[in-house]
PDB file of N, CA and C in Angstrom:
ATOM      1  N   UNK A   1     -43.150 -71.711  71.794  1.00  0.00           N
ATOM      2  CA  UNK A   1     -43.492 -72.277  70.511  1.00  0.00           C
ATOM      3  C   UNK A   1     -42.515 -71.833  69.430  1.00  0.00           C
ATOM      4  N   UNK A   2     -41.818 -70.749  69.680  1.00  0.00           N
ATOM      5  CA  UNK A   2     -40.813 -70.302  68.729  1.00  0.00           C
ATOM      6  C   UNK A   2     -39.667 -71.287  68.607  1.00  0.00           C
ATOM      7  N   UNK A   3     -39.317 -71.928  69.731  1.00  0.00           N
ATOM      8  CA  UNK A   3     -38.258 -72.943  69.688  1.00  0.00           C
ATOM      9  C   UNK A   3     -38.688 -74.150  68.858  1.00  0.00           C
ATOM     10  N   UNK A   4     -39.980 -74.425  68.848  1.00  0.00           N
ATOM     11  CA  UNK A   4     -40.480 -75.519  68.014  1.00  0.00           C
ATOM     12  C   UNK A   4     -40.269 -75.205  66.533  1.00  0.00           C
ATOM     13  N   UNK A   5     -40.594 -73.986  66.155  1.00  0.00           N
ATOM     14  CA  UNK A   5     -40.415 -73.593  64.759  1.00  0.00           C
ATOM     15  C   UNK A   5     -38.932 -73.559  64.393  1.00  0.00           C
ATOM     16  N   UNK A   6     -38.093 -73.137  65.336  1.00  0.00           N
ATOM     17  CA  UNK A   6     -36.654 -73.137  65.095  1.00  0.00           C
ATOM     18  C   UNK A   6     -36.141 -74.555  64.881  1.00  0.00           C
ATOM     19  N   UNK A   7     -36.614 -75.484  65.710  1.00  0.00           N
ATOM     20  CA  UNK A   7     -36.193 -76.884  65.570  1.00  0.00           C
ATOM     21  C   UNK A   7     -36.670 -77.466  64.245  1.00  0.00           C
ATOM     22  N   UNK A   8     -37.885 -77.127  63.838  1.00  0.00           N
ATOM     23  CA  UNK A   8     -38.378 -77.609  62.542  1.00  0.00           C
ATOM     24  C   UNK A   8     -37.551 -77.035  61.396  1.00  0.00           C
ATOM     25  N   UNK A   9     -37.205 -75.757  61.498  1.00  0.00           N
ATOM     26  CA  UNK A   9     -36.402 -75.131  60.453  1.00  0.00           C
ATOM     27  C   UNK A   9     -35.008 -75.724  60.346  1.00  0.00           C
ATOM     28  N   UNK A  10     -34.479 -76.198  61.461  1.00  0.00           N
ATOM     29  CA  UNK A  10     -33.144 -76.805  61.458  1.00  0.00           C
ATOM     30  C   UNK A  10     -33.196 -78.283  61.106  1.00  0.00           C
ATOM     31  N   UNK A  11     -34.395 -78.830  60.955  1.00  0.00           N
ATOM     32  CA  UNK A  11     -34.528 -80.231  60.590  1.00  0.00           C
ATOM     33  C   UNK A  11     -34.521 -81.183  61.771  1.00  0.00           C
ATOM     34  N   UNK A  12     -34.655 -80.669  62.961  1.00  0.00           N
ATOM     35  CA  UNK A  12     -34.664 -81.508  64.159  1.00  0.00           C
ATOM     36  C   UNK A  12     -36.120 -81.799  64.542  1.00  0.00           C
ATOM     37  N   UNK A  13     -36.693 -82.764  63.844  1.00  0.00           N
ATOM     38  CA  UNK A  13     -38.109 -83.042  64.014  1.00  0.00           C
ATOM     39  C   UNK A  13     -38.421 -83.684  65.364  1.00  0.00           C
ATOM     40  N   UNK A  14     -37.521 -84.505  65.878  1.00  0.00           N
ATOM     41  CA  UNK A  14     -37.758 -85.137  67.179  1.00  0.00           C
ATOM     42  C   UNK A  14     -37.774 -84.103  68.300  1.00  0.00           C
ATOM     43  N   UNK A  15     -36.870 -83.152  68.250  1.00  0.00           N
ATOM     44  CA  UNK A  15     -36.836 -82.107  69.279  1.00  0.00           C
ATOM     45  C   UNK A  15     -38.100 -81.254  69.215  1.00  0.00           C
ATOM     46  N   UNK A  16     -38.559 -80.955  68.011  1.00  0.00           N
ATOM     47  CA  UNK A  16     -39.780 -80.166  67.866  1.00  0.00           C
ATOM     48  C   UNK A  16     -40.986 -80.930  68.390  1.00  0.00           C
ATOM     49  N   UNK A  17     -41.061 -82.217  68.096  1.00  0.00           N
ATOM     50  CA  UNK A  17     -42.171 -83.029  68.590  1.00  0.00           C
ATOM     51  C   UNK A  17     -42.118 -83.158  70.107  1.00  0.00           C
ATOM     52  N   UNK A  18     -40.926 -83.332  70.663  1.00  0.00           N
ATOM     53  CA  UNK A  18     -40.779 -83.407  72.112  1.00  0.00           C
ATOM     54  C   UNK A  18     -41.234 -82.109  72.767  1.00  0.00           C
ATOM     55  N   UNK A  19     -40.844 -80.977  72.196  1.00  0.00           N
ATOM     56  CA  UNK A  19     -41.244 -79.693  72.758  1.00  0.00           C
ATOM     57  C   UNK A  19     -42.752 -79.494  72.642  1.00  0.00           C
ATOM     58  N   UNK A  20     -43.341 -79.924  71.543  1.00  0.00           N
ATOM     59  CA  UNK A  20     -44.788 -79.826  71.369  1.00  0.00           C
ATOM     60  C   UNK A  20     -45.520 -80.642  72.425  1.00  0.00           C
ATOM     61  N   UNK A  21     -45.064 -81.852  72.676  1.00  0.00           N
ATOM     62  CA  UNK A  21     -45.729 -82.725  73.648  1.00  0.00           C
ATOM     63  C   UNK A  21     -45.579 -82.178  75.063  1.00  0.00           C
ATOM     64  N   UNK A  22     -44.373 -81.749  75.437  1.00  0.00           N
ATOM     65  CA  UNK A  22     -44.197 -81.221  76.789  1.00  0.00           C
ATOM     66  C   UNK A  22     -44.973 -79.927  76.989  1.00  0.00           C
ATOM     67  N   UNK A  23     -45.055 -79.100  75.961  1.00  0.00           N
ATOM     68  CA  UNK A  23     -45.838 -77.866  76.058  1.00  0.00           C
ATOM     69  C   UNK A  23     -47.326 -78.184  76.222  1.00  0.00           C
ATOM     70  N   UNK A  24     -47.805 -79.153  75.476  1.00  0.00           N
ATOM     71  CA  UNK A  24     -49.221 -79.523  75.568  1.00  0.00           C
ATOM     72  C   UNK A  24     -49.555 -80.091  76.943  1.00  0.00           C
ATOM     73  N   UNK A  25     -48.698 -80.946  77.476  1.00  0.00           N
ATOM     74  CA  UNK A  25     -48.954 -81.505  78.808  1.00  0.00           C
ATOM     75  C   UNK A  25     -48.906 -80.429  79.888  1.00  0.00           C
ATOM     76  N   UNK A  26     -47.968 -79.517  79.782  1.00  0.00           N
ATOM     77  CA  UNK A  26     -47.865 -78.454  80.782  1.00  0.00           C
ATOM     78  C   UNK A  26     -49.083 -77.547  80.740  1.00  0.00           C
ATOM     79  N   UNK A  27     -49.513 -77.200  79.546  1.00  0.00           N
ATOM     80  CA  UNK A  27     -50.681 -76.331  79.406  1.00  0.00           C
ATOM     81  C   UNK A  27     -51.948 -77.035  79.877  1.00  0.00           C
ATOM     82  N   UNK A  28     -52.069 -78.320  79.569  1.00  0.00           N
ATOM     83  CA  UNK A  28     -53.228 -79.080  80.039  1.00  0.00           C
ATOM     84  C   UNK A  28     -53.241 -79.174  81.555  1.00  0.00           C
ATOM     85  N   UNK A  29     -52.072 -79.324  82.169  1.00  0.00           N
ATOM     86  CA  UNK A  29     -51.982 -79.376  83.623  1.00  0.00           C
ATOM     87  C   UNK A  29     -52.467 -78.074  84.242  1.00  0.00           C
ATOM     88  N   UNK A  30     -52.135 -76.944  83.640  1.00  0.00           N
ATOM     89  CA  UNK A  30     -52.596 -75.661  84.167  1.00  0.00           C
ATOM     90  C   UNK A  30     -54.103 -75.486  83.993  1.00  0.00           C
ATOM     91  N   UNK A  31     -54.655 -75.914  82.864  1.00  0.00           N
ATOM     92  CA  UNK A  31     -56.101 -75.806  82.665  1.00  0.00           C
ATOM     93  C   UNK A  31     -56.864 -76.723  83.622  1.00  0.00           C
ATOM     94  N   UNK A  32     -56.361 -77.935  83.823  1.00  0.00           N
ATOM     95  CA  UNK A  32     -57.014 -78.836  84.774  1.00  0.00           C
ATOM     96  C   UNK A  32     -56.912 -78.301  86.197  1.00  0.00           C
ATOM     97  N   UNK A  33     -55.793 -77.683  86.520  1.00  0.00           N
ATOM     98  CA  UNK A  33     -55.633 -77.088  87.844  1.00  0.00           C
ATOM     99  C   UNK A  33     -56.587 -75.931  88.073  1.00  0.00           C
ATOM    100  N   UNK A  34     -56.782 -75.098  87.063  1.00  0.00           N
ATOM    101  CA  UNK A  34     -57.718 -73.987  87.227  1.00  0.00           C
ATOM    102  C   UNK A  34     -59.150 -74.489  87.363  1.00  0.00           C
ATOM    103  N   UNK A  35     -59.500 -75.539  86.651  1.00  0.00           N
ATOM    104  CA  UNK A  35     -60.825 -76.138  86.827  1.00  0.00           C
ATOM    105  C   UNK A  35     -60.997 -76.733  88.205  1.00  0.00           C
ATOM    106  N   UNK A  36     -59.941 -77.327  88.736  1.00  0.00           N
ATOM    107  CA  UNK A  36     -59.993 -77.879  90.086  1.00  0.00           C
ATOM    108  C   UNK A  36     -60.188 -76.782  91.124  1.00  0.00           C
ATOM    109  N   UNK A  37     -59.546 -75.651  90.927  1.00  0.00           N
ATOM    110  CA  UNK A  37     -59.709 -74.537  91.865  1.00  0.00           C
ATOM    111  C   UNK A  37     -61.123 -73.985  91.803  1.00  0.00           C
ATOM    112  N   UNK A  38     -61.664 -73.821  90.612  1.00  0.00           N
ATOM    113  CA  UNK A  38     -63.038 -73.329  90.487  1.00  0.00           C
ATOM    114  C   UNK A  38     -64.004 -74.307  91.131  1.00  0.00           C
ATOM    115  N   UNK A  39     -63.769 -75.599  90.927  1.00  0.00           N
ATOM    116  CA  UNK A  39     -64.637 -76.613  91.535  1.00  0.00           C
ATOM    117  C   UNK A  39     -64.521 -76.597  93.058  1.00  0.00           C
ATOM    118  N   UNK A  40     -63.324 -76.434  93.588  1.00  0.00           N
ATOM    119  CA  UNK A  40     -63.169 -76.403  95.044  1.00  0.00           C
ATOM    120  C   UNK A  40     -63.736 -75.124  95.637  1.00  0.00           C
ATOM    121  N   UNK A  41     -63.755 -74.044  94.879  1.00  0.00           N
ATOM    122  CA  UNK A  41     -64.348 -72.799  95.376  1.00  0.00           C
ATOM    123  C   UNK A  41     -65.852 -72.925  95.522  1.00  0.00           C
ATOM    124  N   UNK A  42     -66.470 -73.785  94.717  1.00  0.00           N
ATOM    125  CA  UNK A  42     -67.911 -73.979  94.844  1.00  0.00           C
ATOM    126  C   UNK A  42     -68.265 -74.587  96.191  1.00  0.00           C
ATOM    127  N   UNK A  43     -67.365 -75.391  96.753  1.00  0.00           N
ATOM    128  CA  UNK A  43     -67.612 -75.945  98.081  1.00  0.00           C
ATOM    129  C   UNK A  43     -67.515 -74.876  99.159  1.00  0.00           C
ATOM    130  N   UNK A  44     -66.728 -73.843  98.936  1.00  0.00           N
ATOM    131  CA  UNK A  44     -66.528 -72.802  99.942  1.00  0.00           C
ATOM    132  C   UNK A  44     -67.563 -71.690  99.863  1.00  0.00           C
ATOM    133  N   UNK A  45     -67.911 -71.252  98.654  1.00  0.00           N
ATOM    134  CA  UNK A  45     -68.793 -70.091  98.507  1.00  0.00           C
ATOM    135  C   UNK A  45     -70.155 -70.448  97.931  1.00  0.00           C
ATOM    136  N   UNK A  46     -70.392 -71.702  97.619  1.00  0.00           N
ATOM    137  CA  UNK A  46     -71.661 -72.099  97.023  1.00  0.00           C
ATOM    138  C   UNK A  46     -71.581 -72.047  95.508  1.00  0.00           C
ATOM    139  N   UNK A  47     -72.561 -72.642  94.863  1.00  0.00           N
ATOM    140  CA  UNK A  47     -72.548 -72.689  93.401  1.00  0.00           C
ATOM    141  C   UNK A  47     -73.034 -71.358  92.854  1.00  0.00           C
ATOM    142  N   UNK A  48     -72.102 -70.554  92.447  1.00  0.00           N
ATOM    143  CA  UNK A  48     -72.392 -69.279  91.815  1.00  0.00           C
ATOM    144  C   UNK A  48     -71.181 -68.913  90.963  1.00  0.00           C
ATOM    145  N   UNK A  49     -71.337 -68.843  89.645  1.00  0.00           N
ATOM    146  CA  UNK A  49     -70.184 -68.513  88.799  1.00  0.00           C
ATOM    147  C   UNK A  49     -69.544 -67.172  89.150  1.00  0.00           C
ATOM    148  N   UNK A  50     -70.351 -66.239  89.657  1.00  0.00           N
ATOM    149  CA  UNK A  50     -69.792 -64.943  90.032  1.00  0.00           C
ATOM    150  C   UNK A  50     -68.867 -65.059  91.234  1.00  0.00           C
ATOM    151  N   UNK A  51     -69.197 -65.944  92.168  1.00  0.00           N
ATOM    152  CA  UNK A  51     -68.379 -66.084  93.372  1.00  0.00           C
ATOM    153  C   UNK A  51     -67.278 -67.122  93.210  1.00  0.00           C
ATOM    154  N   UNK A  52     -67.551 -68.223  92.523  1.00  0.00           N
ATOM    155  CA  UNK A  52     -66.550 -69.288  92.427  1.00  0.00           C
ATOM    156  C   UNK A  52     -65.382 -68.919  91.521  1.00  0.00           C
ATOM    157  N   UNK A  53     -65.553 -67.919  90.652  1.00  0.00           N
ATOM    158  CA  UNK A  53     -64.468 -67.495  89.770  1.00  0.00           C
ATOM    159  C   UNK A  53     -63.934 -66.112  90.128  1.00  0.00           C
ATOM    160  N   UNK A  54     -64.295 -65.618  91.315  1.00  0.00           N
ATOM    161  CA  UNK A  54     -63.834 -64.314  91.764  1.00  0.00           C
ATOM    162  C   UNK A  54     -62.459 -64.454  92.402  1.00  0.00           C
ATOM    163  N   UNK A  55     -61.461 -63.789  91.848  1.00  0.00           N
ATOM    164  CA  UNK A  55     -60.089 -63.905  92.342  1.00  0.00           C
ATOM    165  C   UNK A  55     -59.929 -63.346  93.752  1.00  0.00           C
ATOM    166  N   UNK A  56     -60.753 -62.399  94.147  1.00  0.00           N
ATOM    167  CA  UNK A  56     -60.652 -61.808  95.479  1.00  0.00           C
ATOM    168  C   UNK A  56     -60.980 -62.842  96.550  1.00  0.00           C
ATOM    169  N   UNK A  57     -61.885 -63.763  96.258  1.00  0.00           N
ATOM    170  CA  UNK A  57     -62.311 -64.766  97.235  1.00  0.00           C
ATOM    171  C   UNK A  57     -61.417 -65.999  97.260  1.00  0.00           C
ATOM    172  N   UNK A  58     -60.383 -66.061  96.436  1.00  0.00           N
ATOM    173  CA  UNK A  58     -59.572 -67.270  96.313  1.00  0.00           C
ATOM    174  C   UNK A  58     -58.358 -67.291  97.227  1.00  0.00           C
ATOM    175  N   UNK A  59     -58.377 -66.600  98.321  1.00  0.00           N
ATOM    176  CA  UNK A  59     -57.236 -66.605  99.227  1.00  0.00           C
ATOM    177  C   UNK A  59     -57.156 -67.893 100.029  1.00  0.00           C
ATOM    178  N   UNK A  60     -55.953 -68.289 100.399  1.00  0.00           N
ATOM    179  CA  UNK A  60     -55.759 -69.459 101.248  1.00  0.00           C
ATOM    180  C   UNK A  60     -56.020 -70.788 100.577  1.00  0.00           C
ATOM    181  N   UNK A  61     -55.765 -70.872  99.283  1.00  0.00           N
ATOM    182  CA  UNK A  61     -56.036 -72.127  98.581  1.00  0.00           C
ATOM    183  C   UNK A  61     -55.055 -73.227  98.944  1.00  0.00           C
ATOM    184  N   UNK A  62     -53.900 -72.861  99.501  1.00  0.00           N
ATOM    185  CA  UNK A  62     -52.900 -73.870  99.841  1.00  0.00           C
ATOM    186  C   UNK A  62     -53.426 -74.843 100.883  1.00  0.00           C
ATOM    187  N   UNK A  63     -54.202 -74.343 101.834  1.00  0.00           N
ATOM    188  CA  UNK A  63     -54.725 -75.252 102.855  1.00  0.00           C
ATOM    189  C   UNK A  63     -55.961 -76.015 102.377  1.00  0.00           C
ATOM    190  N   UNK A  64     -56.655 -75.503 101.359  1.00  0.00           N
ATOM    191  CA  UNK A  64     -57.850 -76.188 100.857  1.00  0.00           C
ATOM    192  C   UNK A  64     -57.528 -77.201  99.758  1.00  0.00           C
ATOM    193  N   UNK A  65     -56.623 -76.857  98.861  1.00  0.00           N
ATOM    194  CA  UNK A  65     -56.260 -77.739  97.741  1.00  0.00           C
ATOM    195  C   UNK A  65     -54.738 -77.782  97.570  1.00  0.00           C
ATOM    196  N   UNK A  66     -54.018 -78.469  98.464  1.00  0.00           N
ATOM    197  CA  UNK A  66     -52.548 -78.481  98.367  1.00  0.00           C
ATOM    198  C   UNK A  66     -52.021 -79.245  97.156  1.00  0.00           C
ATOM    199  N   UNK A  67     -52.737 -80.266  96.710  1.00  0.00           N
ATOM    200  CA  UNK A  67     -52.277 -81.027  95.543  1.00  0.00           C
ATOM    201  C   UNK A  67     -52.378 -80.170  94.279  1.00  0.00           C
ATOM    202  N   UNK A  68     -53.430 -79.377  94.198  1.00  0.00           N
ATOM    203  CA  UNK A  68     -53.588 -78.495  93.044  1.00  0.00           C
ATOM    204  C   UNK A  68     -52.505 -77.429  93.033  1.00  0.00           C
ATOM    205  N   UNK A  69     -52.116 -76.956  94.212  1.00  0.00           N
ATOM    206  CA  UNK A  69     -51.027 -75.979  94.287  1.00  0.00           C
ATOM    207  C   UNK A  69     -49.741 -76.564  93.719  1.00  0.00           C
ATOM    208  N   UNK A  70     -49.462 -77.817  94.073  1.00  0.00           N
ATOM    209  CA  UNK A  70     -48.263 -78.482  93.573  1.00  0.00           C
ATOM    210  C   UNK A  70     -48.346 -78.684  92.058  1.00  0.00           C
ATOM    211  N   UNK A  71     -49.528 -79.049  91.561  1.00  0.00           N
ATOM    212  CA  UNK A  71     -49.706 -79.232  90.117  1.00  0.00           C
ATOM    213  C   UNK A  71     -49.497 -77.913  89.375  1.00  0.00           C
ATOM    214  N   UNK A  72     -50.029 -76.824  89.917  1.00  0.00           N
ATOM    215  CA  UNK A  72     -49.827 -75.518  89.303  1.00  0.00           C
ATOM    216  C   UNK A  72     -48.357 -75.131  89.303  1.00  0.00           C
ATOM    217  N   UNK A  73     -47.663 -75.408  90.389  1.00  0.00           N
ATOM    218  CA  UNK A  73     -46.246 -75.076  90.470  1.00  0.00           C
ATOM    219  C   UNK A  73     -45.444 -75.850  89.429  1.00  0.00           C
ATOM    220  N   UNK A  74     -45.728 -77.135  89.294  1.00  0.00           N
ATOM    221  CA  UNK A  74     -45.018 -77.956  88.309  1.00  0.00           C
ATOM    222  C   UNK A  74     -45.319 -77.482  86.886  1.00  0.00           C
ATOM    223  N   UNK A  75     -46.589 -77.205  86.592  1.00  0.00           N
ATOM    224  CA  UNK A  75     -46.955 -76.725  85.260  1.00  0.00           C
ATOM    225  C   UNK A  75     -46.338 -75.381  84.926  1.00  0.00           C
ATOM    226  N   UNK A  76     -46.309 -74.482  85.900  1.00  0.00           N
ATOM    227  CA  UNK A  76     -45.730 -73.162  85.677  1.00  0.00           C
ATOM    228  C   UNK A  76     -44.225 -73.244  85.462  1.00  0.00           C
ATOM    229  N   UNK A  77     -43.542 -74.025  86.298  1.00  0.00           N
ATOM    230  CA  UNK A  77     -42.095 -74.166  86.140  1.00  0.00           C
ATOM    231  C   UNK A  77     -41.744 -74.843  84.822  1.00  0.00           C
ATOM    232  N   UNK A  78     -42.583 -75.763  84.388  1.00  0.00           N
ATOM    233  CA  UNK A  78     -42.337 -76.436  83.117  1.00  0.00           C
ATOM    234  C   UNK A  78     -42.488 -75.477  81.939  1.00  0.00           C
ATOM    235  N   UNK A  79     -43.518 -74.640  81.971  1.00  0.00           N
ATOM    236  CA  UNK A  79     -43.693 -73.677  80.879  1.00  0.00           C
ATOM    237  C   UNK A  79     -42.629 -72.584  80.905  1.00  0.00           C
ATOM    238  N   UNK A  80     -42.077 -72.307  82.087  1.00  0.00           N
ATOM    239  CA  UNK A  80     -40.993 -71.315  82.186  1.00  0.00           C
ATOM    240  C   UNK A  80     -39.664 -71.872  81.704  1.00  0.00           C
ATOM    241  N   UNK A  81     -39.565 -73.183  81.588  1.00  0.00           N
ATOM    242  CA  UNK A  81     -38.335 -73.795  81.097  1.00  0.00           C
ATOM    243  C   UNK A  81     -37.322 -74.084  82.180  1.00  0.00           C
ATOM    244  N   UNK A  82     -37.773 -74.254  83.412  1.00  0.00           N
ATOM    245  CA  UNK A  82     -36.871 -74.537  84.525  1.00  0.00           C
ATOM    246  C   UNK A  82     -36.473 -76.014  84.473  1.00  0.00           C
ATOM    247  N   UNK A  83     -35.169 -76.315  84.463  1.00  0.00           N
ATOM    248  CA  UNK A  83     -34.753 -77.724  84.477  1.00  0.00           C
ATOM    249  C   UNK A  83     -35.106 -78.361  85.812  1.00  0.00           C
ATOM    250  N   UNK A  84     -35.443 -79.586  85.887  1.00  0.00           N
ATOM    251  CA  UNK A  84     -35.516 -80.648  84.894  1.00  0.00           C
ATOM    252  C   UNK A  84     -36.906 -80.787  84.289  1.00  0.00           C
ATOM    253  N   UNK A  85     -37.756 -79.777  84.456  1.00  0.00           N
ATOM    254  CA  UNK A  85     -39.139 -79.877  83.991  1.00  0.00           C
ATOM    255  C   UNK A  85     -39.323 -79.416  82.558  1.00  0.00           C
ATOM    256  N   UNK A  86     -38.364 -78.713  82.019  1.00  0.00           N
ATOM    257  CA  UNK A  86     -38.514 -78.152  80.676  1.00  0.00           C
ATOM    258  C   UNK A  86     -38.380 -79.219  79.609  1.00  0.00           C
TER     259      UNK A  86
END
């Protein structure tokens, strides 16, 4: 978000808006992915907030939710600024 403020200070409003939009989409992708993981954990351990959100029980998610793994990877790489996702 610091780059957004830098772009605004330099008068580059389009770059700041582009960075704001890509940051928002990347962050939303990570939040939706975490909700998907919590929802898929309910199928494995039953409906219990204590168990479905326990990080110790979340092993092996790649075989249970491979699409969510890919979404998390894309969102993480985008927030890290890795080209071409940044």
